[in-house]
């Protein structure tokens, strides 16, 4: 097992960024690797699951594990066959305005290394 972290910053307010995570239907608008998300829920919550479709034709199943709306933190696991990654997302207020995000990915080293540049 390996763990890697990706940090990014931007001008959007933390609450705006959080809503982009919290509503699965918004994912394709800001994540270029995602074509669509299929889920029966409008908002992430523990136990919510579904599938993420990429432009490469890959379909990944997922289940949300934890959500802390007040802290803007959530975690989920995503899998393709026997391969499973655990992902933890955080949205942070940036000094001087805007926000930062932190993604921590854990799983088999080759998969983590392949996913990290996509997530960045």
PDB file of N, CA and C in Angstrom:
ATOM      1  N   UNK A   1       0.840  -1.187   0.000  1.00  0.00           N
ATOM      2  CA  UNK A   1       0.000   0.000   0.000  1.00  0.00           C
ATOM      3  C   UNK A   1       0.882   1.246   0.000  1.00  0.00           C
ATOM      4  N   UNK A   2       0.406   2.252  -0.715  1.00  0.00           N
ATOM      5  CA  UNK A   2       1.119   3.524  -0.811  1.00  0.00           C
ATOM      6  C   UNK A   2       0.132   4.658  -0.619  1.00  0.00           C
ATOM      7  N   UNK A   3       0.639   5.797  -0.198  1.00  0.00           N
ATOM      8  CA  UNK A   3      -0.184   6.996  -0.033  1.00  0.00           C
ATOM      9  C   UNK A   3       0.553   8.172  -0.644  1.00  0.00           C
ATOM     10  N   UNK A   4      -0.191   8.971  -1.409  1.00  0.00           N
ATOM     11  CA  UNK A   4       0.355  10.187  -2.002  1.00  0.00           C
ATOM     12  C   UNK A   4      -0.669  11.300  -1.828  1.00  0.00           C
ATOM     13  N   UNK A   5      -0.186  12.547  -1.782  1.00  0.00           N
ATOM     14  CA  UNK A   5      -1.049  13.705  -1.590  1.00  0.00           C
ATOM     15  C   UNK A   5      -0.858  14.689  -2.738  1.00  0.00           C
ATOM     16  N   UNK A   6      -1.970  15.285  -3.158  1.00  0.00           N
ATOM     17  CA  UNK A   6      -1.960  16.324  -4.192  1.00  0.00           C
ATOM     18  C   UNK A   6      -2.613  17.559  -3.585  1.00  0.00           C
ATOM     19  N   UNK A   7      -1.942  18.695  -3.651  1.00  0.00           N
ATOM     20  CA  UNK A   7      -2.476  19.973  -3.174  1.00  0.00           C
ATOM     21  C   UNK A   7      -2.631  20.918  -4.351  1.00  0.00           C
ATOM     22  N   UNK A   8      -3.731  21.645  -4.365  1.00  0.00           N
ATOM     23  CA  UNK A   8      -3.972  22.647  -5.395  1.00  0.00           C
ATOM     24  C   UNK A   8      -4.634  23.864  -4.755  1.00  0.00           C
ATOM     25  N   UNK A   9      -4.500  25.018  -5.394  1.00  0.00           N
ATOM     26  CA  UNK A   9      -5.118  26.248  -4.899  1.00  0.00           C
ATOM     27  C   UNK A   9      -5.763  26.974  -6.071  1.00  0.00           C
ATOM     28  N   UNK A  10      -6.777  27.789  -5.753  1.00  0.00           N
ATOM     29  CA  UNK A  10      -7.450  28.552  -6.787  1.00  0.00           C
ATOM     30  C   UNK A  10      -8.236  29.702  -6.193  1.00  0.00           C
ATOM     31  N   UNK A  11      -8.835  30.515  -7.057  1.00  0.00           N
ATOM     32  CA  UNK A  11      -9.520  31.723  -6.598  1.00  0.00           C
ATOM     33  C   UNK A  11     -10.930  31.501  -6.063  1.00  0.00           C
ATOM     34  N   UNK A  12     -11.548  30.340  -6.306  1.00  0.00           N
ATOM     35  CA  UNK A  12     -12.928  30.115  -5.859  1.00  0.00           C
ATOM     36  C   UNK A  12     -12.996  30.038  -4.329  1.00  0.00           C
ATOM     37  N   UNK A  13     -14.087  30.540  -3.779  1.00  0.00           N
ATOM     38  CA  UNK A  13     -14.303  30.503  -2.327  1.00  0.00           C
ATOM     39  C   UNK A  13     -14.450  29.055  -1.852  1.00  0.00           C
ATOM     40  N   UNK A  14     -14.031  28.765  -0.620  1.00  0.00           N
ATOM     41  CA  UNK A  14     -14.120  27.395  -0.111  1.00  0.00           C
ATOM     42  C   UNK A  14     -15.529  26.795  -0.187  1.00  0.00           C
ATOM     43  N   UNK A  15     -16.556  27.584   0.100  1.00  0.00           N
ATOM     44  CA  UNK A  15     -17.921  27.043   0.034  1.00  0.00           C
ATOM     45  C   UNK A  15     -18.317  26.660  -1.389  1.00  0.00           C
ATOM     46  N   UNK A  16     -17.853  27.413  -2.370  1.00  0.00           N
ATOM     47  CA  UNK A  16     -18.134  27.096  -3.773  1.00  0.00           C
ATOM     48  C   UNK A  16     -17.441  25.784  -4.150  1.00  0.00           C
ATOM     49  N   UNK A  17     -16.188  25.652  -3.771  1.00  0.00           N
ATOM     50  CA  UNK A  17     -15.433  24.439  -4.071  1.00  0.00           C
ATOM     51  C   UNK A  17     -16.071  23.239  -3.374  1.00  0.00           C
ATOM     52  N   UNK A  18     -16.463  23.404  -2.122  1.00  0.00           N
ATOM     53  CA  UNK A  18     -17.105  22.306  -1.391  1.00  0.00           C
ATOM     54  C   UNK A  18     -18.364  21.831  -2.121  1.00  0.00           C
ATOM     55  N   UNK A  19     -19.177  22.745  -2.596  1.00  0.00           N
ATOM     56  CA  UNK A  19     -20.404  22.354  -3.305  1.00  0.00           C
ATOM     57  C   UNK A  19     -20.089  21.575  -4.574  1.00  0.00           C
ATOM     58  N   UNK A  20     -18.978  21.875  -5.201  1.00  0.00           N
ATOM     59  CA  UNK A  20     -18.569  21.128  -6.400  1.00  0.00           C
ATOM     60  C   UNK A  20     -18.246  19.681  -6.054  1.00  0.00           C
ATOM     61  N   UNK A  21     -17.708  19.461  -4.874  1.00  0.00           N
ATOM     62  CA  UNK A  21     -17.484  18.091  -4.393  1.00  0.00           C
ATOM     63  C   UNK A  21     -18.792  17.461  -3.921  1.00  0.00           C
ATOM     64  N   UNK A  22     -19.579  18.215  -3.167  1.00  0.00           N
ATOM     65  CA  UNK A  22     -20.754  17.673  -2.476  1.00  0.00           C
ATOM     66  C   UNK A  22     -21.869  17.237  -3.416  1.00  0.00           C
ATOM     67  N   UNK A  23     -21.922  17.805  -4.615  1.00  0.00           N
ATOM     68  CA  UNK A  23     -22.961  17.453  -5.584  1.00  0.00           C
ATOM     69  C   UNK A  23     -22.329  16.662  -6.735  1.00  0.00           C
ATOM     70  N   UNK A  24     -22.503  15.340  -6.726  1.00  0.00           N
ATOM     71  CA  UNK A  24     -21.857  14.515  -7.761  1.00  0.00           C
ATOM     72  C   UNK A  24     -22.148  14.951  -9.193  1.00  0.00           C
ATOM     73  N   UNK A  25     -23.312  15.491  -9.453  1.00  0.00           N
ATOM     74  CA  UNK A  25     -23.664  15.905 -10.820  1.00  0.00           C
ATOM     75  C   UNK A  25     -22.755  17.025 -11.331  1.00  0.00           C
ATOM     76  N   UNK A  26     -22.116  17.781 -10.430  1.00  0.00           N
ATOM     77  CA  UNK A  26     -21.235  18.883 -10.846  1.00  0.00           C
ATOM     78  C   UNK A  26     -19.831  18.427 -11.232  1.00  0.00           C
ATOM     79  N   UNK A  27     -19.459  17.227 -10.894  1.00  0.00           N
ATOM     80  CA  UNK A  27     -18.094  16.749 -11.127  1.00  0.00           C
ATOM     81  C   UNK A  27     -17.596  16.935 -12.557  1.00  0.00           C
ATOM     82  N   UNK A  28     -18.369  16.569 -13.582  1.00  0.00           N
ATOM     83  CA  UNK A  28     -17.849  16.717 -14.946  1.00  0.00           C
ATOM     84  C   UNK A  28     -17.543  18.164 -15.345  1.00  0.00           C
ATOM     85  N   UNK A  29     -18.096  19.125 -14.628  1.00  0.00           N
ATOM     86  CA  UNK A  29     -17.844  20.538 -14.952  1.00  0.00           C
ATOM     87  C   UNK A  29     -16.448  20.992 -14.563  1.00  0.00           C
ATOM     88  N   UNK A  30     -15.843  20.332 -13.558  1.00  0.00           N
ATOM     89  CA  UNK A  30     -14.545  20.798 -13.087  1.00  0.00           C
ATOM     90  C   UNK A  30     -13.462  19.728 -13.104  1.00  0.00           C
ATOM     91  N   UNK A  31     -13.823  18.480 -13.290  1.00  0.00           N
ATOM     92  CA  UNK A  31     -12.836  17.400 -13.324  1.00  0.00           C
ATOM     93  C   UNK A  31     -12.742  16.876 -14.757  1.00  0.00           C
ATOM     94  N   UNK A  32     -11.738  17.282 -15.503  1.00  0.00           N
ATOM     95  CA  UNK A  32     -11.685  16.937 -16.923  1.00  0.00           C
ATOM     96  C   UNK A  32     -11.625  15.442 -17.213  1.00  0.00           C
ATOM     97  N   UNK A  33     -11.218  14.638 -16.246  1.00  0.00           N
ATOM     98  CA  UNK A  33     -11.133  13.205 -16.469  1.00  0.00           C
ATOM     99  C   UNK A  33     -12.486  12.497 -16.285  1.00  0.00           C
ATOM    100  N   UNK A  34     -13.514  13.226 -15.840  1.00  0.00           N
ATOM    101  CA  UNK A  34     -14.823  12.621 -15.562  1.00  0.00           C
ATOM    102  C   UNK A  34     -15.842  13.054 -16.610  1.00  0.00           C
ATOM    103  N   UNK A  35     -16.478  12.075 -17.239  1.00  0.00           N
ATOM    104  CA  UNK A  35     -17.529  12.343 -18.218  1.00  0.00           C
ATOM    105  C   UNK A  35     -18.879  12.481 -17.536  1.00  0.00           C
ATOM    106  N   UNK A  36     -19.163  11.588 -16.585  1.00  0.00           N
ATOM    107  CA  UNK A  36     -20.405  11.678 -15.814  1.00  0.00           C
ATOM    108  C   UNK A  36     -20.300  10.824 -14.564  1.00  0.00           C
ATOM    109  N   UNK A  37     -21.239  11.089 -13.636  1.00  0.00           N
ATOM    110  CA  UNK A  37     -21.339  10.317 -12.404  1.00  0.00           C
ATOM    111  C   UNK A  37     -22.766   9.793 -12.312  1.00  0.00           C
ATOM    112  N   UNK A  38     -22.906   8.504 -12.097  1.00  0.00           N
ATOM    113  CA  UNK A  38     -24.225   7.903 -11.882  1.00  0.00           C
ATOM    114  C   UNK A  38     -24.360   7.558 -10.404  1.00  0.00           C
ATOM    115  N   UNK A  39     -25.367   8.133  -9.774  1.00  0.00           N
ATOM    116  CA  UNK A  39     -25.671   7.837  -8.387  1.00  0.00           C
ATOM    117  C   UNK A  39     -27.127   8.199  -8.138  1.00  0.00           C
ATOM    118  N   UNK A  40     -27.725   7.596  -7.148  1.00  0.00           N
ATOM    119  CA  UNK A  40     -29.112   7.899  -6.827  1.00  0.00           C
ATOM    120  C   UNK A  40     -29.259   9.075  -5.881  1.00  0.00           C
ATOM    121  N   UNK A  41     -28.154   9.735  -5.551  1.00  0.00           N
ATOM    122  CA  UNK A  41     -28.185  10.820  -4.573  1.00  0.00           C
ATOM    123  C   UNK A  41     -27.773  12.140  -5.221  1.00  0.00           C
ATOM    124  N   UNK A  42     -28.367  13.219  -4.752  1.00  0.00           N
ATOM    125  CA  UNK A  42     -27.998  14.557  -5.222  1.00  0.00           C
ATOM    126  C   UNK A  42     -26.783  15.103  -4.493  1.00  0.00           C
ATOM    127  N   UNK A  43     -26.459  14.492  -3.338  1.00  0.00           N
ATOM    128  CA  UNK A  43     -25.398  15.008  -2.477  1.00  0.00           C
ATOM    129  C   UNK A  43     -24.635  13.834  -1.858  1.00  0.00           C
ATOM    130  N   UNK A  44     -23.333  14.021  -1.653  1.00  0.00           N
ATOM    131  CA  UNK A  44     -22.559  12.959  -1.021  1.00  0.00           C
ATOM    132  C   UNK A  44     -22.987  12.790   0.433  1.00  0.00           C
ATOM    133  N   UNK A  45     -22.963  11.557   0.887  1.00  0.00           N
ATOM    134  CA  UNK A  45     -23.279  11.198   2.261  1.00  0.00           C
ATOM    135  C   UNK A  45     -22.721   9.796   2.478  1.00  0.00           C
ATOM    136  N   UNK A  46     -22.423   9.437   3.713  1.00  0.00           N
ATOM    137  CA  UNK A  46     -21.924   8.084   3.956  1.00  0.00           C
ATOM    138  C   UNK A  46     -22.877   7.031   3.377  1.00  0.00           C
ATOM    139  N   UNK A  47     -22.304   6.087   2.661  1.00  0.00           N
ATOM    140  CA  UNK A  47     -23.083   5.011   2.065  1.00  0.00           C
ATOM    141  C   UNK A  47     -23.553   5.278   0.645  1.00  0.00           C
ATOM    142  N   UNK A  48     -23.492   6.528   0.192  1.00  0.00           N
ATOM    143  CA  UNK A  48     -23.892   6.843  -1.183  1.00  0.00           C
ATOM    144  C   UNK A  48     -22.880   6.197  -2.134  1.00  0.00           C
ATOM    145  N   UNK A  49     -23.384   5.534  -3.131  1.00  0.00           N
ATOM    146  CA  UNK A  49     -22.512   4.869  -4.091  1.00  0.00           C
ATOM    147  C   UNK A  49     -22.958   5.120  -5.507  1.00  0.00           C
ATOM    148  N   UNK A  50     -22.182   4.623  -6.435  1.00  0.00           N
ATOM    149  CA  UNK A  50     -22.519   4.769  -7.840  1.00  0.00           C
ATOM    150  C   UNK A  50     -21.332   4.428  -8.706  1.00  0.00           C
ATOM    151  N   UNK A  51     -21.307   5.042  -9.883  1.00  0.00           N
ATOM    152  CA  UNK A  51     -20.213   4.831 -10.830  1.00  0.00           C
ATOM    153  C   UNK A  51     -19.758   6.151 -11.419  1.00  0.00           C
ATOM    154  N   UNK A  52     -18.464   6.244 -11.631  1.00  0.00           N
ATOM    155  CA  UNK A  52     -17.855   7.389 -12.302  1.00  0.00           C
ATOM    156  C   UNK A  52     -17.406   6.907 -13.677  1.00  0.00           C
ATOM    157  N   UNK A  53     -17.749   7.672 -14.711  1.00  0.00           N
ATOM    158  CA  UNK A  53     -17.388   7.331 -16.089  1.00  0.00           C
ATOM    159  C   UNK A  53     -16.339   8.324 -16.573  1.00  0.00           C
ATOM    160  N   UNK A  54     -15.231   7.798 -17.089  1.00  0.00           N
ATOM    161  CA  UNK A  54     -14.191   8.682 -17.622  1.00  0.00           C
ATOM    162  C   UNK A  54     -14.305   8.758 -19.132  1.00  0.00           C
ATOM    163  N   UNK A  55     -13.577   9.694 -19.707  1.00  0.00           N
ATOM    164  CA  UNK A  55     -13.557   9.823 -21.165  1.00  0.00           C
ATOM    165  C   UNK A  55     -12.824   8.661 -21.818  1.00  0.00           C
ATOM    166  N   UNK A  56     -12.006   7.976 -21.075  1.00  0.00           N
ATOM    167  CA  UNK A  56     -11.262   6.836 -21.612  1.00  0.00           C
ATOM    168  C   UNK A  56     -12.125   5.578 -21.653  1.00  0.00           C
ATOM    169  N   UNK A  57     -13.411   5.692 -21.273  1.00  0.00           N
ATOM    170  CA  UNK A  57     -14.299   4.539 -21.270  1.00  0.00           C
ATOM    171  C   UNK A  57     -14.242   3.713 -20.000  1.00  0.00           C
ATOM    172  N   UNK A  58     -13.470   4.158 -19.037  1.00  0.00           N
ATOM    173  CA  UNK A  58     -13.338   3.432 -17.776  1.00  0.00           C
ATOM    174  C   UNK A  58     -14.540   3.758 -16.888  1.00  0.00           C
ATOM    175  N   UNK A  59     -15.115   2.724 -16.286  1.00  0.00           N
ATOM    176  CA  UNK A  59     -16.233   2.878 -15.343  1.00  0.00           C
ATOM    177  C   UNK A  59     -15.771   2.384 -13.984  1.00  0.00           C
ATOM    178  N   UNK A  60     -15.778   3.271 -13.021  1.00  0.00           N
ATOM    179  CA  UNK A  60     -15.276   2.960 -11.687  1.00  0.00           C
ATOM    180  C   UNK A  60     -16.426   3.029 -10.686  1.00  0.00           C
ATOM    181  N   UNK A  61     -16.597   1.999  -9.890  1.00  0.00           N
ATOM    182  CA  UNK A  61     -17.628   2.004  -8.852  1.00  0.00           C
ATOM    183  C   UNK A  61     -17.068   2.727  -7.624  1.00  0.00           C
ATOM    184  N   UNK A  62     -17.962   3.365  -6.872  1.00  0.00           N
ATOM    185  CA  UNK A  62     -17.509   4.080  -5.680  1.00  0.00           C
ATOM    186  C   UNK A  62     -18.547   4.003  -4.569  1.00  0.00           C
ATOM    187  N   UNK A  63     -18.079   4.209  -3.341  1.00  0.00           N
ATOM    188  CA  UNK A  63     -18.937   4.353  -2.167  1.00  0.00           C
ATOM    189  C   UNK A  63     -18.319   5.424  -1.281  1.00  0.00           C
ATOM    190  N   UNK A  64     -19.133   6.383  -0.862  1.00  0.00           N
ATOM    191  CA  UNK A  64     -18.690   7.430   0.058  1.00  0.00           C
ATOM    192  C   UNK A  64     -18.602   6.818   1.459  1.00  0.00           C
ATOM    193  N   UNK A  65     -17.495   7.053   2.139  1.00  0.00           N
ATOM    194  CA  UNK A  65     -17.291   6.496   3.477  1.00  0.00           C
ATOM    195  C   UNK A  65     -17.648   7.484   4.584  1.00  0.00           C
ATOM    196  N   UNK A  66     -17.123   8.712   4.485  1.00  0.00           N
ATOM    197  CA  UNK A  66     -17.350   9.718   5.526  1.00  0.00           C
ATOM    198  C   UNK A  66     -17.528  11.082   4.894  1.00  0.00           C
ATOM    199  N   UNK A  67     -18.330  11.917   5.549  1.00  0.00           N
ATOM    200  CA  UNK A  67     -18.509  13.309   5.123  1.00  0.00           C
ATOM    201  C   UNK A  67     -18.590  14.179   6.364  1.00  0.00           C
ATOM    202  N   UNK A  68     -17.802  15.237   6.397  1.00  0.00           N
ATOM    203  CA  UNK A  68     -17.878  16.245   7.455  1.00  0.00           C
ATOM    204  C   UNK A  68     -18.080  17.588   6.758  1.00  0.00           C
ATOM    205  N   UNK A  69     -19.354  17.975   6.607  1.00  0.00           N
ATOM    206  CA  UNK A  69     -19.692  19.208   5.878  1.00  0.00           C
ATOM    207  C   UNK A  69     -19.072  20.431   6.553  1.00  0.00           C
ATOM    208  N   UNK A  70     -19.100  20.475   7.880  1.00  0.00           N
ATOM    209  CA  UNK A  70     -18.597  21.646   8.602  1.00  0.00           C
ATOM    210  C   UNK A  70     -17.104  21.858   8.342  1.00  0.00           C
ATOM    211  N   UNK A  71     -16.358  20.777   8.272  1.00  0.00           N
ATOM    212  CA  UNK A  71     -14.910  20.874   8.024  1.00  0.00           C
ATOM    213  C   UNK A  71     -14.560  20.779   6.537  1.00  0.00           C
ATOM    214  N   UNK A  72     -15.572  20.496   5.688  1.00  0.00           N
ATOM    215  CA  UNK A  72     -15.390  20.337   4.241  1.00  0.00           C
ATOM    216  C   UNK A  72     -14.381  19.224   3.929  1.00  0.00           C
ATOM    217  N   UNK A  73     -14.646  18.066   4.517  1.00  0.00           N
ATOM    218  CA  UNK A  73     -13.793  16.888   4.327  1.00  0.00           C
ATOM    219  C   UNK A  73     -14.679  15.703   3.991  1.00  0.00           C
ATOM    220  N   UNK A  74     -14.250  14.896   3.028  1.00  0.00           N
ATOM    221  CA  UNK A  74     -14.977  13.663   2.741  1.00  0.00           C
ATOM    222  C   UNK A  74     -14.011  12.605   2.227  1.00  0.00           C
ATOM    223  N   UNK A  75     -14.409  11.360   2.410  1.00  0.00           N
ATOM    224  CA  UNK A  75     -13.586  10.263   1.932  1.00  0.00           C
ATOM    225  C   UNK A  75     -14.473   9.220   1.259  1.00  0.00           C
ATOM    226  N   UNK A  76     -13.870   8.494   0.357  1.00  0.00           N
ATOM    227  CA  UNK A  76     -14.596   7.482  -0.400  1.00  0.00           C
ATOM    228  C   UNK A  76     -13.610   6.442  -0.896  1.00  0.00           C
ATOM    229  N   UNK A  77     -14.125   5.312  -1.336  1.00  0.00           N
ATOM    230  CA  UNK A  77     -13.275   4.346  -2.016  1.00  0.00           C
ATOM    231  C   UNK A  77     -13.846   4.109  -3.400  1.00  0.00           C
ATOM    232  N   UNK A  78     -12.937   3.908  -4.342  1.00  0.00           N
ATOM    233  CA  UNK A  78     -13.306   3.710  -5.736  1.00  0.00           C
ATOM    234  C   UNK A  78     -12.564   2.489  -6.243  1.00  0.00           C
ATOM    235  N   UNK A  79     -13.263   1.663  -7.014  1.00  0.00           N
ATOM    236  CA  UNK A  79     -12.637   0.434  -7.469  1.00  0.00           C
ATOM    237  C   UNK A  79     -12.960   0.065  -8.890  1.00  0.00           C
ATOM    238  N   UNK A  80     -12.025  -0.627  -9.473  1.00  0.00           N
ATOM    239  CA  UNK A  80     -12.161  -1.185 -10.803  1.00  0.00           C
ATOM    240  C   UNK A  80     -11.724  -2.638 -10.674  1.00  0.00           C
ATOM    241  N   UNK A  81     -12.688  -3.555 -10.707  1.00  0.00           N
ATOM    242  CA  UNK A  81     -12.359  -4.959 -10.449  1.00  0.00           C
ATOM    243  C   UNK A  81     -11.801  -5.082  -9.036  1.00  0.00           C
ATOM    244  N   UNK A  82     -10.707  -5.818  -8.870  1.00  0.00           N
ATOM    245  CA  UNK A  82     -10.138  -5.988  -7.523  1.00  0.00           C
ATOM    246  C   UNK A  82      -9.303  -4.792  -7.043  1.00  0.00           C
ATOM    247  N   UNK A  83      -9.050  -3.844  -7.929  1.00  0.00           N
ATOM    248  CA  UNK A  83      -8.238  -2.676  -7.593  1.00  0.00           C
ATOM    249  C   UNK A  83      -9.094  -1.624  -6.882  1.00  0.00           C
ATOM    250  N   UNK A  84      -8.692  -1.232  -5.684  1.00  0.00           N
ATOM    251  CA  UNK A  84      -9.442  -0.244  -4.902  1.00  0.00           C
ATOM    252  C   UNK A  84      -8.499   0.855  -4.423  1.00  0.00           C
ATOM    253  N   UNK A  85      -8.929   2.101  -4.616  1.00  0.00           N
ATOM    254  CA  UNK A  85      -8.221   3.257  -4.068  1.00  0.00           C
ATOM    255  C   UNK A  85      -9.097   3.901  -3.008  1.00  0.00           C
ATOM    256  N   UNK A  86      -8.467   4.412  -1.955  1.00  0.00           N
ATOM    257  CA  UNK A  86      -9.169   5.199  -0.951  1.00  0.00           C
ATOM    258  C   UNK A  86      -8.714   6.642  -1.141  1.00  0.00           C
ATOM    259  N   UNK A  87      -9.707   7.546  -1.162  1.00  0.00           N
ATOM    260  CA  UNK A  87      -9.423   8.952  -1.436  1.00  0.00           C
ATOM    261  C   UNK A  87     -10.031   9.813  -0.339  1.00  0.00           C
ATOM    262  N   UNK A  88      -9.265  10.785   0.116  1.00  0.00           N
ATOM    263  CA  UNK A  88      -9.746  11.738   1.125  1.00  0.00           C
ATOM    264  C   UNK A  88      -9.547  13.139   0.564  1.00  0.00           C
ATOM    265  N   UNK A  89     -10.643  13.912   0.514  1.00  0.00           N
ATOM    266  CA  UNK A  89     -10.612  15.269  -0.029  1.00  0.00           C
ATOM    267  C   UNK A  89     -10.842  16.274   1.095  1.00  0.00           C
ATOM    268  N   UNK A  90     -10.111  17.373   1.040  1.00  0.00           N
ATOM    269  CA  UNK A  90     -10.286  18.475   1.981  1.00  0.00           C
ATOM    270  C   UNK A  90     -10.334  19.781   1.195  1.00  0.00           C
ATOM    271  N   UNK A  91     -11.199  20.687   1.611  1.00  0.00           N
ATOM    272  CA  UNK A  91     -11.256  22.035   1.042  1.00  0.00           C
ATOM    273  C   UNK A  91     -10.894  22.996   2.166  1.00  0.00           C
ATOM    274  N   UNK A  92      -9.913  23.838   1.918  1.00  0.00           N
ATOM    275  CA  UNK A  92      -9.389  24.740   2.936  1.00  0.00           C
ATOM    276  C   UNK A  92      -9.460  26.184   2.457  1.00  0.00           C
ATOM    277  N   UNK A  93      -9.687  27.097   3.368  1.00  0.00           N
ATOM    278  CA  UNK A  93      -9.619  28.515   3.036  1.00  0.00           C
ATOM    279  C   UNK A  93      -8.154  28.892   2.860  1.00  0.00           C
ATOM    280  N   UNK A  94      -7.854  29.637   1.823  1.00  0.00           N
ATOM    281  CA  UNK A  94      -6.486  30.082   1.576  1.00  0.00           C
ATOM    282  C   UNK A  94      -6.288  31.481   2.145  1.00  0.00           C
ATOM    283  N   UNK A  95      -5.114  31.726   2.682  1.00  0.00           N
ATOM    284  CA  UNK A  95      -4.837  33.064   3.183  1.00  0.00           C
ATOM    285  C   UNK A  95      -4.832  34.026   1.997  1.00  0.00           C
ATOM    286  N   UNK A  96      -5.456  35.162   2.150  1.00  0.00           N
ATOM    287  CA  UNK A  96      -5.542  36.132   1.072  1.00  0.00           C
ATOM    288  C   UNK A  96      -6.702  35.890   0.125  1.00  0.00           C
ATOM    289  N   UNK A  97      -7.577  34.905   0.426  1.00  0.00           N
ATOM    290  CA  UNK A  97      -8.738  34.620  -0.412  1.00  0.00           C
ATOM    291  C   UNK A  97      -8.572  33.345  -1.203  1.00  0.00           C
ATOM    292  N   UNK A  98      -9.649  32.922  -1.778  1.00  0.00           N
ATOM    293  CA  UNK A  98      -9.628  31.683  -2.548  1.00  0.00           C
ATOM    294  C   UNK A  98      -9.621  30.467  -1.639  1.00  0.00           C
ATOM    295  N   UNK A  99      -9.197  29.347  -2.198  1.00  0.00           N
ATOM    296  CA  UNK A  99      -9.213  28.103  -1.432  1.00  0.00           C
ATOM    297  C   UNK A  99      -8.086  27.197  -1.878  1.00  0.00           C
ATOM    298  N   UNK A 100      -7.870  26.190  -1.071  1.00  0.00           N
ATOM    299  CA  UNK A 100      -6.931  25.134  -1.409  1.00  0.00           C
ATOM    300  C   UNK A 100      -7.636  23.803  -1.254  1.00  0.00           C
ATOM    301  N   UNK A 101      -7.180  22.821  -1.987  1.00  0.00           N
ATOM    302  CA  UNK A 101      -7.708  21.468  -1.830  1.00  0.00           C
ATOM    303  C   UNK A 101      -6.548  20.523  -1.576  1.00  0.00           C
ATOM    304  N   UNK A 102      -6.849  19.480  -0.848  1.00  0.00           N
ATOM    305  CA  UNK A 102      -5.864  18.437  -0.578  1.00  0.00           C
ATOM    306  C   UNK A 102      -6.533  17.106  -0.849  1.00  0.00           C
ATOM    307  N   UNK A 103      -5.917  16.294  -1.668  1.00  0.00           N
ATOM    308  CA  UNK A 103      -6.384  14.948  -1.951  1.00  0.00           C
ATOM    309  C   UNK A 103      -5.312  13.980  -1.494  1.00  0.00           C
ATOM    310  N   UNK A 104      -5.695  13.039  -0.654  1.00  0.00           N
ATOM    311  CA  UNK A 104      -4.800  11.972  -0.231  1.00  0.00           C
ATOM    312  C   UNK A 104      -5.326  10.671  -0.821  1.00  0.00           C
ATOM    313  N   UNK A 105      -4.494  10.002  -1.597  1.00  0.00           N
ATOM    314  CA  UNK A 105      -4.869   8.762  -2.283  1.00  0.00           C
ATOM    315  C   UNK A 105      -4.050   7.624  -1.696  1.00  0.00           C
ATOM    316  N   UNK A 106      -4.727   6.534  -1.333  1.00  0.00           N
ATOM    317  CA  UNK A 106      -4.061   5.348  -0.803  1.00  0.00           C
ATOM    318  C   UNK A 106      -4.503   4.124  -1.586  1.00  0.00           C
ATOM    319  N   UNK A 107      -3.567   3.223  -1.817  1.00  0.00           N
ATOM    320  CA  UNK A 107      -3.865   1.982  -2.517  1.00  0.00           C
ATOM    321  C   UNK A 107      -2.582   1.351  -3.015  1.00  0.00           C
ATOM    322  N   UNK A 108      -2.696   0.398  -3.927  1.00  0.00           N
ATOM    323  CA  UNK A 108      -1.496  -0.221  -4.489  1.00  0.00           C
ATOM    324  C   UNK A 108      -0.631   0.836  -5.185  1.00  0.00           C
ATOM    325  N   UNK A 109       0.671   0.784  -4.963  1.00  0.00           N
ATOM    326  CA  UNK A 109       1.588   1.813  -5.459  1.00  0.00           C
ATOM    327  C   UNK A 109       1.425   2.122  -6.950  1.00  0.00           C
ATOM    328  N   UNK A 110       1.376   1.124  -7.852  1.00  0.00           N
ATOM    329  CA  UNK A 110       1.238   1.489  -9.273  1.00  0.00           C
ATOM    330  C   UNK A 110      -0.032   2.284  -9.565  1.00  0.00           C
ATOM    331  N   UNK A 111      -1.143   1.913  -8.950  1.00  0.00           N
ATOM    332  CA  UNK A 111      -2.410   2.625  -9.186  1.00  0.00           C
ATOM    333  C   UNK A 111      -2.357   4.038  -8.626  1.00  0.00           C
ATOM    334  N   UNK A 112      -1.778   4.193  -7.447  1.00  0.00           N
ATOM    335  CA  UNK A 112      -1.657   5.521  -6.841  1.00  0.00           C
ATOM    336  C   UNK A 112      -0.792   6.418  -7.719  1.00  0.00           C
ATOM    337  N   UNK A 113       0.317   5.887  -8.204  1.00  0.00           N
ATOM    338  CA  UNK A 113       1.214   6.680  -9.048  1.00  0.00           C
ATOM    339  C   UNK A 113       0.565   7.045 -10.384  1.00  0.00           C
ATOM    340  N   UNK A 114      -0.262   6.158 -10.933  1.00  0.00           N
ATOM    341  CA  UNK A 114      -0.949   6.459 -12.185  1.00  0.00           C
ATOM    342  C   UNK A 114      -2.072   7.481 -11.990  1.00  0.00           C
ATOM    343  N   UNK A 115      -2.760   7.418 -10.839  1.00  0.00           N
ATOM    344  CA  UNK A 115      -3.888   8.317 -10.613  1.00  0.00           C
ATOM    345  C   UNK A 115      -3.448   9.722 -10.215  1.00  0.00           C
ATOM    346  N   UNK A 116      -2.333   9.846  -9.545  1.00  0.00           N
ATOM    347  CA  UNK A 116      -1.906  11.138  -9.016  1.00  0.00           C
ATOM    348  C   UNK A 116      -1.845  12.239 -10.077  1.00  0.00           C
ATOM    349  N   UNK A 117      -1.221  12.034 -11.249  1.00  0.00           N
ATOM    350  CA  UNK A 117      -1.196  13.117 -12.237  1.00  0.00           C
ATOM    351  C   UNK A 117      -2.579  13.425 -12.800  1.00  0.00           C
ATOM    352  N   UNK A 118      -3.433  12.427 -12.882  1.00  0.00           N
ATOM    353  CA  UNK A 118      -4.816  12.662 -13.356  1.00  0.00           C
ATOM    354  C   UNK A 118      -5.544  13.559 -12.365  1.00  0.00           C
ATOM    355  N   UNK A 119      -5.373  13.275 -11.078  1.00  0.00           N
ATOM    356  CA  UNK A 119      -6.041  14.054 -10.032  1.00  0.00           C
ATOM    357  C   UNK A 119      -5.504  15.475  -9.963  1.00  0.00           C
ATOM    358  N   UNK A 120      -4.234  15.631 -10.267  1.00  0.00           N
ATOM    359  CA  UNK A 120      -3.624  16.970 -10.195  1.00  0.00           C
ATOM    360  C   UNK A 120      -4.211  17.874 -11.253  1.00  0.00           C
TER     361      UNK A 120
END
